[in-house]
Structure formats: structure tokens, C-alpha cells
Amino acid sequence: MKRTDKGLPLINIGFGNVVSASHVIAIVAPGSSPIKRLREEAVERGKLVDATQGRKTRAIIVTDSDHLILSALQVETLTQRCSEE
């Protein structure tokens, strides 16, 4: 996890994209039906951010602002990056 000049912890979610760690609620796998429904609802509300750069979605990040962020990195990789200091 990196910190900005102001001390905000950031998580690299792949391809030069970062997310503020303080806003992440959950990191989930995209395969289950409830998560697929959440993704469809986020598209309808305009709250889906695709950070996969055209690659397969391997993790979905849920934020406190109800945004869903798609990442091409594995859930395990992202959780490991969250726990690093």
C-alpha cells in the first residue's frame, strides 16, 4: 500500500490505477449471482468503474460511496496489497 504526500493510503488495483484504502468496504470475486446483480445495478445507476483495461474481471471492489470498481487482479492479490504497510 502506498501513501500520498498527504498520508492517504492508496491500493494499486492494476495498470496504474489506485483506490483510496479508506473507502474500500469489500473486495469480492465476481462469480456469484448476488455479485452479478450488484454489478448490473451499478451499471444502471452509473456507479460502475471499469479498471480492467479490457481484461477479464477477477475482483470487484465495493466502496463506501456505492461504487463498484472492476479489477483484473485476483482478490488475494488485492487483499495482500491492502494489508501491506
N, C-alpha and C. Protein backbone atom coordinates (compact mmCIF):
# COMPACT_ATOMS: atom_id res chain seq x y z
N MET A 1 0.84 -1.16 0.00
CA MET A 1 0.00 0.00 0.00
C MET A 1 0.89 1.23 0.00
N LYS A 2 0.61 2.15 -0.86
CA LYS A 2 1.38 3.38 -0.94
C LYS A 2 0.65 4.49 -0.22
N ARG A 3 1.38 5.51 0.16
CA ARG A 3 0.77 6.69 0.78
C ARG A 3 1.10 7.91 -0.08
N THR A 4 0.12 8.79 -0.19
CA THR A 4 0.34 10.03 -0.92
C THR A 4 1.11 10.99 -0.03
N ASP A 5 1.40 12.17 -0.56
CA ASP A 5 2.10 13.19 0.23
C ASP A 5 1.29 13.60 1.45
N LYS A 6 -0.02 13.47 1.37
CA LYS A 6 -0.89 13.86 2.49
C LYS A 6 -1.17 12.69 3.42
N GLY A 7 -0.55 11.53 3.18
CA GLY A 7 -0.68 10.39 4.06
C GLY A 7 -1.85 9.47 3.77
N LEU A 8 -2.58 9.70 2.67
CA LEU A 8 -3.70 8.82 2.32
C LEU A 8 -3.16 7.49 1.81
N PRO A 9 -3.62 6.38 2.39
CA PRO A 9 -3.18 5.08 1.89
C PRO A 9 -3.89 4.73 0.59
N LEU A 10 -3.13 4.36 -0.42
CA LEU A 10 -3.67 4.00 -1.73
C LEU A 10 -3.33 2.56 -2.05
N ILE A 11 -4.26 1.87 -2.72
CA ILE A 11 -4.06 0.48 -3.14
C ILE A 11 -3.96 0.46 -4.65
N ASN A 12 -2.88 -0.12 -5.17
CA ASN A 12 -2.72 -0.28 -6.61
C ASN A 12 -3.62 -1.43 -7.06
N ILE A 13 -4.59 -1.14 -7.94
CA ILE A 13 -5.52 -2.16 -8.40
C ILE A 13 -5.20 -2.63 -9.81
N GLY A 14 -4.03 -2.25 -10.30
CA GLY A 14 -3.56 -2.72 -11.60
C GLY A 14 -3.57 -1.65 -12.67
N PHE A 15 -2.60 -1.73 -13.57
CA PHE A 15 -2.48 -0.87 -14.74
C PHE A 15 -2.41 0.61 -14.39
N GLY A 16 -1.75 0.93 -13.28
CA GLY A 16 -1.58 2.32 -12.89
C GLY A 16 -2.78 2.94 -12.20
N ASN A 17 -3.79 2.15 -11.88
CA ASN A 17 -4.98 2.64 -11.20
C ASN A 17 -4.85 2.39 -9.70
N VAL A 18 -5.27 3.36 -8.91
CA VAL A 18 -5.22 3.23 -7.45
C VAL A 18 -6.57 3.61 -6.85
N VAL A 19 -6.83 3.06 -5.66
CA VAL A 19 -8.06 3.34 -4.92
C VAL A 19 -7.66 3.72 -3.50
N SER A 20 -8.38 4.67 -2.92
CA SER A 20 -8.13 5.05 -1.54
C SER A 20 -8.56 3.90 -0.62
N ALA A 21 -7.63 3.40 0.17
CA ALA A 21 -7.91 2.25 1.03
C ALA A 21 -8.98 2.56 2.07
N SER A 22 -9.10 3.80 2.47
CA SER A 22 -10.08 4.16 3.50
C SER A 22 -11.52 4.09 2.99
N HIS A 23 -11.71 4.02 1.67
CA HIS A 23 -13.06 3.97 1.11
C HIS A 23 -13.47 2.56 0.70
N VAL A 24 -12.57 1.60 0.81
CA VAL A 24 -12.88 0.22 0.41
C VAL A 24 -13.64 -0.47 1.53
N ILE A 25 -14.79 -1.04 1.17
CA ILE A 25 -15.59 -1.81 2.13
C ILE A 25 -15.30 -3.30 1.96
N ALA A 26 -15.25 -3.77 0.70
CA ALA A 26 -15.04 -5.19 0.45
C ALA A 26 -14.37 -5.40 -0.89
N ILE A 27 -13.68 -6.53 -1.00
CA ILE A 27 -13.10 -6.99 -2.27
C ILE A 27 -13.64 -8.39 -2.47
N VAL A 28 -14.41 -8.58 -3.54
CA VAL A 28 -15.11 -9.85 -3.74
C VAL A 28 -14.83 -10.43 -5.12
N ALA A 29 -15.03 -11.74 -5.23
CA ALA A 29 -14.91 -12.42 -6.52
C ALA A 29 -16.18 -12.15 -7.33
N PRO A 30 -16.06 -12.07 -8.64
CA PRO A 30 -17.20 -11.67 -9.48
C PRO A 30 -18.16 -12.79 -9.87
N GLY A 31 -17.95 -14.01 -9.43
CA GLY A 31 -18.68 -15.16 -9.97
C GLY A 31 -20.08 -15.42 -9.44
N SER A 32 -20.40 -15.00 -8.22
CA SER A 32 -21.69 -15.39 -7.64
C SER A 32 -22.85 -14.55 -8.19
N SER A 33 -24.03 -15.11 -8.12
CA SER A 33 -25.22 -14.42 -8.62
C SER A 33 -25.51 -13.10 -7.92
N PRO A 34 -25.41 -13.02 -6.59
CA PRO A 34 -25.66 -11.73 -5.94
C PRO A 34 -24.68 -10.63 -6.39
N ILE A 35 -23.45 -11.01 -6.61
CA ILE A 35 -22.46 -10.03 -7.06
C ILE A 35 -22.76 -9.60 -8.50
N LYS A 36 -23.19 -10.54 -9.32
CA LYS A 36 -23.57 -10.19 -10.70
C LYS A 36 -24.74 -9.22 -10.70
N ARG A 37 -25.71 -9.42 -9.79
CA ARG A 37 -26.83 -8.49 -9.67
C ARG A 37 -26.37 -7.12 -9.20
N LEU A 38 -25.46 -7.09 -8.22
CA LEU A 38 -24.89 -5.81 -7.76
C LEU A 38 -24.23 -5.07 -8.91
N ARG A 39 -23.50 -5.81 -9.73
CA ARG A 39 -22.81 -5.21 -10.88
C ARG A 39 -23.81 -4.61 -11.86
N GLU A 40 -24.88 -5.34 -12.18
CA GLU A 40 -25.90 -4.84 -13.09
C GLU A 40 -26.57 -3.58 -12.55
N GLU A 41 -26.86 -3.58 -11.24
CA GLU A 41 -27.46 -2.41 -10.61
C GLU A 41 -26.52 -1.20 -10.66
N ALA A 42 -25.22 -1.45 -10.46
CA ALA A 42 -24.24 -0.37 -10.51
C ALA A 42 -24.17 0.24 -11.91
N VAL A 43 -24.28 -0.60 -12.94
CA VAL A 43 -24.29 -0.10 -14.32
C VAL A 43 -25.50 0.81 -14.53
N GLU A 44 -26.67 0.37 -14.06
CA GLU A 44 -27.89 1.16 -14.23
C GLU A 44 -27.82 2.50 -13.52
N ARG A 45 -27.19 2.53 -12.34
CA ARG A 45 -27.07 3.77 -11.57
C ARG A 45 -25.88 4.62 -11.99
N GLY A 46 -25.04 4.12 -12.87
CA GLY A 46 -23.85 4.86 -13.27
C GLY A 46 -22.76 4.85 -12.23
N LYS A 47 -22.69 3.79 -11.43
CA LYS A 47 -21.72 3.70 -10.34
C LYS A 47 -20.70 2.59 -10.55
N LEU A 48 -20.49 2.19 -11.80
CA LEU A 48 -19.51 1.14 -12.11
C LEU A 48 -18.28 1.77 -12.73
N VAL A 49 -17.12 1.42 -12.19
CA VAL A 49 -15.84 1.89 -12.73
C VAL A 49 -15.07 0.67 -13.21
N ASP A 50 -14.75 0.64 -14.50
CA ASP A 50 -14.03 -0.49 -15.08
C ASP A 50 -12.56 -0.14 -15.17
N ALA A 51 -11.75 -0.77 -14.32
CA ALA A 51 -10.30 -0.53 -14.32
C ALA A 51 -9.55 -1.76 -14.82
N THR A 52 -10.20 -2.58 -15.67
CA THR A 52 -9.59 -3.82 -16.13
C THR A 52 -8.75 -3.65 -17.40
N GLN A 53 -8.86 -2.51 -18.06
CA GLN A 53 -8.14 -2.27 -19.31
C GLN A 53 -8.45 -3.34 -20.35
N GLY A 54 -9.71 -3.80 -20.39
CA GLY A 54 -10.14 -4.77 -21.38
C GLY A 54 -9.86 -6.22 -21.02
N ARG A 55 -9.31 -6.46 -19.86
CA ARG A 55 -9.02 -7.83 -19.45
C ARG A 55 -10.16 -8.41 -18.62
N LYS A 56 -10.06 -9.68 -18.30
CA LYS A 56 -11.11 -10.37 -17.55
C LYS A 56 -11.19 -9.81 -16.12
N THR A 57 -12.41 -9.60 -15.64
CA THR A 57 -12.62 -9.12 -14.28
C THR A 57 -12.37 -10.27 -13.31
N ARG A 58 -11.44 -10.08 -12.39
CA ARG A 58 -11.11 -11.12 -11.41
C ARG A 58 -11.45 -10.70 -9.99
N ALA A 59 -11.74 -9.40 -9.79
CA ALA A 59 -12.13 -8.93 -8.47
C ALA A 59 -13.01 -7.69 -8.63
N ILE A 60 -13.93 -7.53 -7.69
CA ILE A 60 -14.78 -6.34 -7.65
C ILE A 60 -14.58 -5.68 -6.29
N ILE A 61 -14.29 -4.39 -6.33
CA ILE A 61 -14.07 -3.61 -5.11
C ILE A 61 -15.33 -2.81 -4.83
N VAL A 62 -15.87 -2.97 -3.62
CA VAL A 62 -17.06 -2.23 -3.20
C VAL A 62 -16.58 -1.08 -2.32
N THR A 63 -17.06 0.14 -2.63
CA THR A 63 -16.64 1.31 -1.87
C THR A 63 -17.79 1.85 -1.02
N ASP A 64 -17.45 2.74 -0.10
CA ASP A 64 -18.46 3.32 0.79
C ASP A 64 -19.39 4.30 0.08
N SER A 65 -19.08 4.67 -1.16
CA SER A 65 -19.95 5.57 -1.93
C SER A 65 -20.85 4.78 -2.89
N ASP A 66 -20.96 3.47 -2.68
CA ASP A 66 -21.76 2.56 -3.50
C ASP A 66 -21.22 2.38 -4.91
N HIS A 67 -19.98 2.73 -5.14
CA HIS A 67 -19.35 2.46 -6.43
C HIS A 67 -18.79 1.04 -6.42
N LEU A 68 -18.81 0.40 -7.58
CA LEU A 68 -18.15 -0.88 -7.76
C LEU A 68 -17.01 -0.66 -8.74
N ILE A 69 -15.83 -1.13 -8.39
CA ILE A 69 -14.65 -0.96 -9.23
C ILE A 69 -14.20 -2.34 -9.67
N LEU A 70 -14.12 -2.55 -10.98
CA LEU A 70 -13.68 -3.82 -11.53
C LEU A 70 -12.17 -3.82 -11.66
N SER A 71 -11.54 -4.92 -11.27
CA SER A 71 -10.09 -5.05 -11.37
C SER A 71 -9.74 -6.37 -12.03
N ALA A 72 -8.65 -6.38 -12.77
CA ALA A 72 -8.17 -7.60 -13.42
C ALA A 72 -7.24 -8.40 -12.50
N LEU A 73 -6.97 -7.88 -11.32
CA LEU A 73 -6.12 -8.60 -10.36
C LEU A 73 -6.97 -9.54 -9.51
N GLN A 74 -6.35 -10.59 -9.02
CA GLN A 74 -7.03 -11.57 -8.16
C GLN A 74 -7.41 -10.94 -6.82
N VAL A 75 -8.47 -11.46 -6.21
CA VAL A 75 -8.90 -10.99 -4.89
C VAL A 75 -7.76 -11.12 -3.88
N GLU A 76 -7.06 -12.25 -3.93
CA GLU A 76 -5.96 -12.50 -2.98
C GLU A 76 -4.85 -11.46 -3.12
N THR A 77 -4.55 -11.09 -4.36
CA THR A 77 -3.51 -10.09 -4.61
C THR A 77 -3.90 -8.75 -4.02
N LEU A 78 -5.16 -8.36 -4.24
CA LEU A 78 -5.62 -7.06 -3.72
C LEU A 78 -5.68 -7.05 -2.20
N THR A 79 -6.13 -8.14 -1.59
CA THR A 79 -6.19 -8.16 -0.12
C THR A 79 -4.78 -8.14 0.48
N GLN A 80 -3.84 -8.77 -0.20
CA GLN A 80 -2.46 -8.73 0.27
C GLN A 80 -1.92 -7.30 0.19
N ARG A 81 -2.25 -6.60 -0.89
CA ARG A 81 -1.81 -5.21 -1.03
C ARG A 81 -2.45 -4.31 0.01
N CYS A 82 -3.67 -4.63 0.42
CA CYS A 82 -4.35 -3.85 1.47
C CYS A 82 -3.65 -4.01 2.82
N SER A 83 -3.16 -5.20 3.09
CA SER A 83 -2.56 -5.47 4.39
C SER A 83 -1.10 -5.03 4.49
N GLU A 84 -0.48 -4.71 3.37
CA GLU A 84 0.92 -4.26 3.39
C GLU A 84 1.00 -2.86 3.98
N GLU A 85 2.11 -2.59 4.64
CA GLU A 85 2.31 -1.26 5.19
C GLU A 85 3.49 -0.60 4.57
